[in-house]
Amino acid sequence: MRFVATTAFITAIGSGAFAEMATYELDPAHTTVFFTVDHIGYAKTLGLFTTVSGNFMYDAATQELGAVSVNIDAASVESFNDARDEHLRKADFLDVSAHPAITFTATGGNATSATTGTVTGDLTILSNSLPVTLEVTLNKSAPYPFGHKRDVLGLSMNTTINRSEFGMTYGVDNGLVGDVVDIQIETEAMKVE
C-alpha cells in the first residue's frame, strides 16, 4: 500500500539521530502489514500481505519527509486458508489481476509527543484513492546492533478503513464480511548509506 505509513510517521516525529535528509528503505524481512475484519459477527479474521517494499527521504532535524514510495503486492495476501486467499484475490475483493498494487503516499503529519504522532496520506485500493490517518509510534531509533549496523527506525502504525468506500462491497450488505478493516503496520526502516 504505497502506504505503509511506516514512512509517514517520520514526518511527525524526529528521532534526533540524523541531521540531514537521508534515504531510508523498508526492511522486507522486518516489515509486516496485517489486518482484521469481522466474519459474520462471530470473530475477526486475520490477514496479512507478505510482499511489501518502499523507501523515503527524511530529515530528523526539520522533520521533513519526501519521495515516499511504498508498495504492497495485492496478490501476496495471506489469510491462512487457501480457498479464502483465492477469493480475496478475485474481483469480489482485491481484484489483483486488474489492481496488482495497494499504495500509500504520505501528505503530512503531526507529532503528539517525542515518540507518537499521526500521519495523513492517500491510500489507493482498487485504483480508488482516499485520505487516511495513521496513528504512529516510534519504537526505537538507533544503529542496528549486528549485521548491516545501519541506522534503523522501528515504527508501529495503525488505522481503520471502510472497505466499501474503496469499492469493495462484497458481503457488506448481508453482513457476511465486515466493512470495517483494522490495519496494523510494523516495520524497521534502514538508512541507506
C-alpha atoms as a PDB file:
ATOM      1  CA  MET A   1       0.000   0.000   0.000  1.00  0.00           C
ATOM      2  CA  ARG A   2       2.335   2.675  -1.186  1.00  0.00           C
ATOM      3  CA  PHE A   3       1.283   3.026   2.119  1.00  0.00           C
ATOM      4  CA  VAL A   4       2.929   1.508   4.799  1.00  0.00           C
ATOM      5  CA  ALA A   5       2.573   4.629   6.721  1.00  0.00           C
ATOM      6  CA  THR A   6       5.725   3.489   8.089  1.00  0.00           C
ATOM      7  CA  THR A   7       7.288   6.088   6.038  1.00  0.00           C
ATOM      8  CA  ALA A   8       4.970   8.738   7.044  1.00  0.00           C
ATOM      9  CA  PHE A   9       5.351   8.587  10.761  1.00  0.00           C
ATOM     10  CA  ILE A  10       8.652  10.069  10.214  1.00  0.00           C
ATOM     11  CA  THR A  11       7.186  13.373   9.169  1.00  0.00           C
ATOM     12  CA  ALA A  12       5.633  13.663  12.559  1.00  0.00           C
ATOM     13  CA  ILE A  13       8.429  12.584  14.811  1.00  0.00           C
ATOM     14  CA  GLY A  14      12.110  13.345  14.612  1.00  0.00           C
ATOM     15  CA  SER A  15      14.491  10.828  16.037  1.00  0.00           C
ATOM     16  CA  GLY A  16      17.310  13.280  16.568  1.00  0.00           C
ATOM     17  CA  ALA A  17      19.807  10.692  15.364  1.00  0.00           C
ATOM     18  CA  PHE A  18      20.100  12.146  11.863  1.00  0.00           C
ATOM     19  CA  ALA A  19      20.805  15.763  10.935  1.00  0.00           C
ATOM     20  CA  GLU A  20      20.066  15.905   7.216  1.00  0.00           C
ATOM     21  CA  MET A  21      17.807  14.474   4.535  1.00  0.00           C
ATOM     22  CA  ALA A  22      18.624  10.796   4.175  1.00  0.00           C
ATOM     23  CA  THR A  23      17.144   7.874   2.296  1.00  0.00           C
ATOM     24  CA  TYR A  24      15.514   5.019   4.212  1.00  0.00           C
ATOM     25  CA  GLU A  25      14.327   1.707   2.857  1.00  0.00           C
ATOM     26  CA  LEU A  26      11.872  -0.695   4.422  1.00  0.00           C
ATOM     27  CA  ASP A  27      13.468  -3.919   5.577  1.00  0.00           C
ATOM     28  CA  PRO A  28      11.328  -6.588   3.855  1.00  0.00           C
ATOM     29  CA  ALA A  29      12.318  -9.159   6.473  1.00  0.00           C
ATOM     30  CA  HIS A  30      11.035  -6.891   9.255  1.00  0.00           C
ATOM     31  CA  THR A  31       8.005  -5.206   7.700  1.00  0.00           C
ATOM     32  CA  THR A  32       4.535  -6.633   8.246  1.00  0.00           C
ATOM     33  CA  VAL A  33       1.200  -5.234   7.134  1.00  0.00           C
ATOM     34  CA  PHE A  34      -1.731  -7.098   8.644  1.00  0.00           C
ATOM     35  CA  PHE A  35      -5.447  -6.583   9.046  1.00  0.00           C
ATOM     36  CA  THR A  36      -8.526  -7.949  10.772  1.00  0.00           C
ATOM     37  CA  VAL A  37     -12.109  -7.925   9.524  1.00  0.00           C
ATOM     38  CA  ASP A  38     -15.330  -9.235  11.043  1.00  0.00           C
ATOM     39  CA  HIS A  39     -16.655 -12.617   9.850  1.00  0.00           C
ATOM     40  CA  ILE A  40     -20.460 -12.854  10.188  1.00  0.00           C
ATOM     41  CA  GLY A  41     -20.223 -11.373  13.666  1.00  0.00           C
ATOM     42  CA  TYR A  42     -18.591 -14.455  15.150  1.00  0.00           C
ATOM     43  CA  ALA A  43     -14.940 -13.409  15.181  1.00  0.00           C
ATOM     44  CA  LYS A  44     -12.398 -11.353  13.294  1.00  0.00           C
ATOM     45  CA  THR A  45     -10.367 -12.955  10.529  1.00  0.00           C
ATOM     46  CA  LEU A  46      -6.655 -12.147  10.338  1.00  0.00           C
ATOM     47  CA  GLY A  47      -4.875 -11.448   7.074  1.00  0.00           C
ATOM     48  CA  LEU A  48      -1.509 -10.082   6.039  1.00  0.00           C
ATOM     49  CA  PHE A  49       0.479  -9.081   2.984  1.00  0.00           C
ATOM     50  CA  THR A  50       3.797 -10.868   2.569  1.00  0.00           C
ATOM     51  CA  THR A  51       5.387  -8.650  -0.091  1.00  0.00           C
ATOM     52  CA  VAL A  52       5.982  -5.021   0.884  1.00  0.00           C
ATOM     53  CA  SER A  53       8.629  -2.632  -0.437  1.00  0.00           C
ATOM     54  CA  GLY A  54       9.364   1.035  -0.213  1.00  0.00           C
ATOM     55  CA  ASN A  55      11.686   3.892   0.576  1.00  0.00           C
ATOM     56  CA  PHE A  56      11.535   7.533   1.569  1.00  0.00           C
ATOM     57  CA  MET A  57      13.631  10.600   2.350  1.00  0.00           C
ATOM     58  CA  TYR A  58      13.664  12.024   5.862  1.00  0.00           C
ATOM     59  CA  ASP A  59      15.399  14.797   7.773  1.00  0.00           C
ATOM     60  CA  ALA A  60      15.031  14.360  11.529  1.00  0.00           C
ATOM     61  CA  ALA A  61      16.173  17.903  12.277  1.00  0.00           C
ATOM     62  CA  THR A  62      13.421  19.512  10.204  1.00  0.00           C
ATOM     63  CA  GLN A  63      11.025  16.532  10.279  1.00  0.00           C
ATOM     64  CA  GLU A  64      10.788  16.843   6.514  1.00  0.00           C
ATOM     65  CA  LEU A  65       9.617  13.795   4.583  1.00  0.00           C
ATOM     66  CA  GLY A  66       9.937  13.404   0.840  1.00  0.00           C
ATOM     67  CA  ALA A  67       9.961  10.965  -2.059  1.00  0.00           C
ATOM     68  CA  VAL A  68       7.720   8.449  -0.295  1.00  0.00           C
ATOM     69  CA  SER A  69       7.363   5.297  -2.367  1.00  0.00           C
ATOM     70  CA  VAL A  70       5.797   2.307  -0.637  1.00  0.00           C
ATOM     71  CA  ASN A  71       4.045  -0.564  -2.364  1.00  0.00           C
ATOM     72  CA  ILE A  72       2.172  -3.704  -1.333  1.00  0.00           C
ATOM     73  CA  ASP A  73       1.734  -6.580  -3.750  1.00  0.00           C
ATOM     74  CA  ALA A  74      -2.010  -7.236  -3.500  1.00  0.00           C
ATOM     75  CA  ALA A  75      -1.575 -10.835  -4.655  1.00  0.00           C
ATOM     76  CA  SER A  76       0.626 -11.527  -1.633  1.00  0.00           C
ATOM     77  CA  VAL A  77      -2.437 -11.508   0.654  1.00  0.00           C
ATOM     78  CA  GLU A  78      -2.377 -14.427   3.097  1.00  0.00           C
ATOM     79  CA  SER A  79      -5.199 -15.363   5.472  1.00  0.00           C
ATOM     80  CA  PHE A  80      -4.014 -18.896   6.306  1.00  0.00           C
ATOM     81  CA  ASN A  81      -6.728 -20.562   4.220  1.00  0.00           C
ATOM     82  CA  ASP A  82      -6.069 -21.368   0.543  1.00  0.00           C
ATOM     83  CA  ALA A  83      -9.681 -21.125  -0.629  1.00  0.00           C
ATOM     84  CA  ARG A  84     -10.229 -17.822   1.168  1.00  0.00           C
ATOM     85  CA  ASP A  85      -6.966 -16.428  -0.196  1.00  0.00           C
ATOM     86  CA  GLU A  86      -8.039 -17.239  -3.747  1.00  0.00           C
ATOM     87  CA  HIS A  87     -11.361 -15.482  -3.122  1.00  0.00           C
ATOM     88  CA  LEU A  88      -9.563 -12.440  -1.698  1.00  0.00           C
ATOM     89  CA  ARG A  89      -7.542 -12.185  -4.930  1.00  0.00           C
ATOM     90  CA  LYS A  90     -10.702 -12.240  -7.111  1.00  0.00           C
ATOM     91  CA  ALA A  91     -12.944  -9.343  -8.201  1.00  0.00           C
ATOM     92  CA  ASP A  92     -15.117  -9.591  -5.056  1.00  0.00           C
ATOM     93  CA  PHE A  93     -12.232  -8.237  -3.012  1.00  0.00           C
ATOM     94  CA  LEU A  94      -8.749  -7.175  -4.212  1.00  0.00           C
ATOM     95  CA  ASP A  95      -9.151  -7.994  -7.927  1.00  0.00           C
ATOM     96  CA  VAL A  96      -5.398  -8.436  -8.178  1.00  0.00           C
ATOM     97  CA  SER A  97      -5.330  -9.119 -11.914  1.00  0.00           C
ATOM     98  CA  ALA A  98      -6.680  -5.613 -12.588  1.00  0.00           C
ATOM     99  CA  HIS A  99      -5.212  -3.882  -9.499  1.00  0.00           C
ATOM    100  CA  PRO A 100      -1.908  -5.528  -8.596  1.00  0.00           C
ATOM    101  CA  ALA A 101      -0.751  -2.891  -6.096  1.00  0.00           C
ATOM    102  CA  ILE A 102      -2.085  -1.215  -2.986  1.00  0.00           C
ATOM    103  CA  THR A 103      -0.276   2.055  -2.341  1.00  0.00           C
ATOM    104  CA  PHE A 104       0.063   4.779   0.248  1.00  0.00           C
ATOM    105  CA  THR A 105       1.579   8.221  -0.238  1.00  0.00           C
ATOM    106  CA  ALA A 106       2.100  10.443   2.797  1.00  0.00           C
ATOM    107  CA  THR A 107       0.915  14.050   2.664  1.00  0.00           C
ATOM    108  CA  GLY A 108       1.643  15.291   6.200  1.00  0.00           C
ATOM    109  CA  GLY A 109       1.903  14.537   9.875  1.00  0.00           C
ATOM    110  CA  ASN A 110       1.660  15.909  13.412  1.00  0.00           C
ATOM    111  CA  ALA A 111       3.666  14.955  16.480  1.00  0.00           C
ATOM    112  CA  THR A 112       1.785  14.383  19.718  1.00  0.00           C
ATOM    113  CA  SER A 113       4.889  13.535  21.762  1.00  0.00           C
ATOM    114  CA  ALA A 114       8.540  12.687  21.201  1.00  0.00           C
ATOM    115  CA  THR A 115       7.568   9.180  20.090  1.00  0.00           C
ATOM    116  CA  THR A 116       3.959   9.389  18.890  1.00  0.00           C
ATOM    117  CA  GLY A 117       2.047  11.189  16.203  1.00  0.00           C
ATOM    118  CA  THR A 118      -0.296  10.927  13.269  1.00  0.00           C
ATOM    119  CA  VAL A 119       0.447  10.717   9.578  1.00  0.00           C
ATOM    120  CA  THR A 120      -2.003  11.554   6.827  1.00  0.00           C
ATOM    121  CA  GLY A 121      -1.829  10.333   3.283  1.00  0.00           C
ATOM    122  CA  ASP A 122      -3.605   8.840   0.301  1.00  0.00           C
ATOM    123  CA  LEU A 123      -4.394   5.121   0.341  1.00  0.00           C
ATOM    124  CA  THR A 124      -5.136   3.560  -3.039  1.00  0.00           C
ATOM    125  CA  ILE A 125      -7.046   0.281  -3.277  1.00  0.00           C
ATOM    126  CA  LEU A 126      -8.780  -0.920  -6.474  1.00  0.00           C
ATOM    127  CA  SER A 127      -7.499   2.295  -8.126  1.00  0.00           C
ATOM    128  CA  ASN A 128      -9.574   4.375  -5.676  1.00  0.00           C
ATOM    129  CA  SER A 129      -7.576   6.860  -3.589  1.00  0.00           C
ATOM    130  CA  LEU A 130      -8.865   8.174  -0.278  1.00  0.00           C
ATOM    131  CA  PRO A 131      -7.231  10.049   2.606  1.00  0.00           C
ATOM    132  CA  VAL A 132      -6.399   8.089   5.751  1.00  0.00           C
ATOM    133  CA  THR A 133      -4.799   8.964   9.065  1.00  0.00           C
ATOM    134  CA  LEU A 134      -2.411   6.604  10.795  1.00  0.00           C
ATOM    135  CA  GLU A 135      -1.537   6.576  14.471  1.00  0.00           C
ATOM    136  CA  VAL A 136       2.221   6.121  14.669  1.00  0.00           C
ATOM    137  CA  THR A 137       4.675   5.178  17.401  1.00  0.00           C
ATOM    138  CA  LEU A 138       8.442   5.420  17.077  1.00  0.00           C
ATOM    139  CA  ASN A 139       9.660   2.362  18.968  1.00  0.00           C
ATOM    140  CA  LYS A 140      13.371   2.912  18.531  1.00  0.00           C
ATOM    141  CA  SER A 141      15.918   4.883  16.528  1.00  0.00           C
ATOM    142  CA  ALA A 142      19.452   3.513  16.722  1.00  0.00           C
ATOM    143  CA  PRO A 143      22.190   1.730  14.785  1.00  0.00           C
ATOM    144  CA  TYR A 144      21.377  -1.946  14.268  1.00  0.00           C
ATOM    145  CA  PRO A 145      23.353  -3.994  16.843  1.00  0.00           C
ATOM    146  CA  PHE A 146      24.697  -6.583  14.350  1.00  0.00           C
ATOM    147  CA  GLY A 147      24.728  -7.476  10.668  1.00  0.00           C
ATOM    148  CA  HIS A 148      24.379  -4.355   8.497  1.00  0.00           C
ATOM    149  CA  LYS A 149      24.734  -1.989  11.537  1.00  0.00           C
ATOM    150  CA  ARG A 150      22.886   0.785   9.690  1.00  0.00           C
ATOM    151  CA  ASP A 151      20.743   3.376  11.464  1.00  0.00           C
ATOM    152  CA  VAL A 152      17.211   1.972  11.807  1.00  0.00           C
ATOM    153  CA  LEU A 153      13.833   3.473  12.666  1.00  0.00           C
ATOM    154  CA  GLY A 154      11.438   0.993  14.293  1.00  0.00           C
ATOM    155  CA  LEU A 155       7.807   2.020  13.756  1.00  0.00           C
ATOM    156  CA  SER A 156       4.332   0.764  14.691  1.00  0.00           C
ATOM    157  CA  MET A 157       1.262   2.170  12.919  1.00  0.00           C
ATOM    158  CA  ASN A 158      -2.450   1.545  12.774  1.00  0.00           C
ATOM    159  CA  THR A 159      -5.550   2.852  11.045  1.00  0.00           C
ATOM    160  CA  THR A 160      -9.095   1.800  10.253  1.00  0.00           C
ATOM    161  CA  ILE A 161     -10.860   1.988   6.895  1.00  0.00           C
ATOM    162  CA  ASN A 162     -14.269   1.123   5.474  1.00  0.00           C
ATOM    163  CA  ARG A 163     -13.513  -1.104   2.518  1.00  0.00           C
ATOM    164  CA  SER A 164     -16.802  -0.220   0.807  1.00  0.00           C
ATOM    165  CA  GLU A 165     -15.512   3.336   0.348  1.00  0.00           C
ATOM    166  CA  PHE A 166     -12.864   1.894  -1.975  1.00  0.00           C
ATOM    167  CA  GLY A 167     -15.464  -0.047  -3.969  1.00  0.00           C
ATOM    168  CA  MET A 168     -15.037  -3.386  -2.175  1.00  0.00           C
ATOM    169  CA  THR A 169     -18.636  -4.155  -1.207  1.00  0.00           C
ATOM    170  CA  TYR A 170     -18.850  -7.957  -1.282  1.00  0.00           C
ATOM    171  CA  GLY A 171     -20.569  -9.307   1.845  1.00  0.00           C
ATOM    172  CA  VAL A 172     -21.215  -5.894   3.386  1.00  0.00           C
ATOM    173  CA  ASP A 173     -24.989  -5.608   2.910  1.00  0.00           C
ATOM    174  CA  ASN A 174     -25.746  -9.132   4.120  1.00  0.00           C
ATOM    175  CA  GLY A 175     -23.238  -8.976   6.991  1.00  0.00           C
ATOM    176  CA  LEU A 176     -21.096 -11.887   5.841  1.00  0.00           C
ATOM    177  CA  VAL A 177     -17.906  -9.838   5.823  1.00  0.00           C
ATOM    178  CA  GLY A 178     -17.441  -6.660   7.836  1.00  0.00           C
ATOM    179  CA  ASP A 179     -16.997  -3.288   6.206  1.00  0.00           C
ATOM    180  CA  VAL A 180     -14.561  -2.015   8.838  1.00  0.00           C
ATOM    181  CA  VAL A 181     -10.961  -3.168   8.353  1.00  0.00           C
ATOM    182  CA  ASP A 182      -8.409  -2.585  11.126  1.00  0.00           C
ATOM    183  CA  ILE A 183      -4.886  -2.250   9.724  1.00  0.00           C
ATOM    184  CA  GLN A 184      -1.623  -2.587  11.647  1.00  0.00           C
ATOM    185  CA  ILE A 185       1.885  -1.996  10.301  1.00  0.00           C
ATOM    186  CA  GLU A 186       5.146  -2.986  11.993  1.00  0.00           C
ATOM    187  CA  THR A 187       8.381  -2.039  10.266  1.00  0.00           C
ATOM    188  CA  GLU A 188      12.074  -1.392  10.500  1.00  0.00           C
ATOM    189  CA  ALA A 189      13.296   1.263   8.066  1.00  0.00           C
ATOM    190  CA  MET A 190      17.036   1.197   7.351  1.00  0.00           C
ATOM    191  CA  LYS A 191      19.102   4.248   6.446  1.00  0.00           C
ATOM    192  CA  VAL A 192      20.703   3.896   3.013  1.00  0.00           C
ATOM    193  CA  GLU A 193      24.402   4.625   3.188  1.00  0.00           C
END
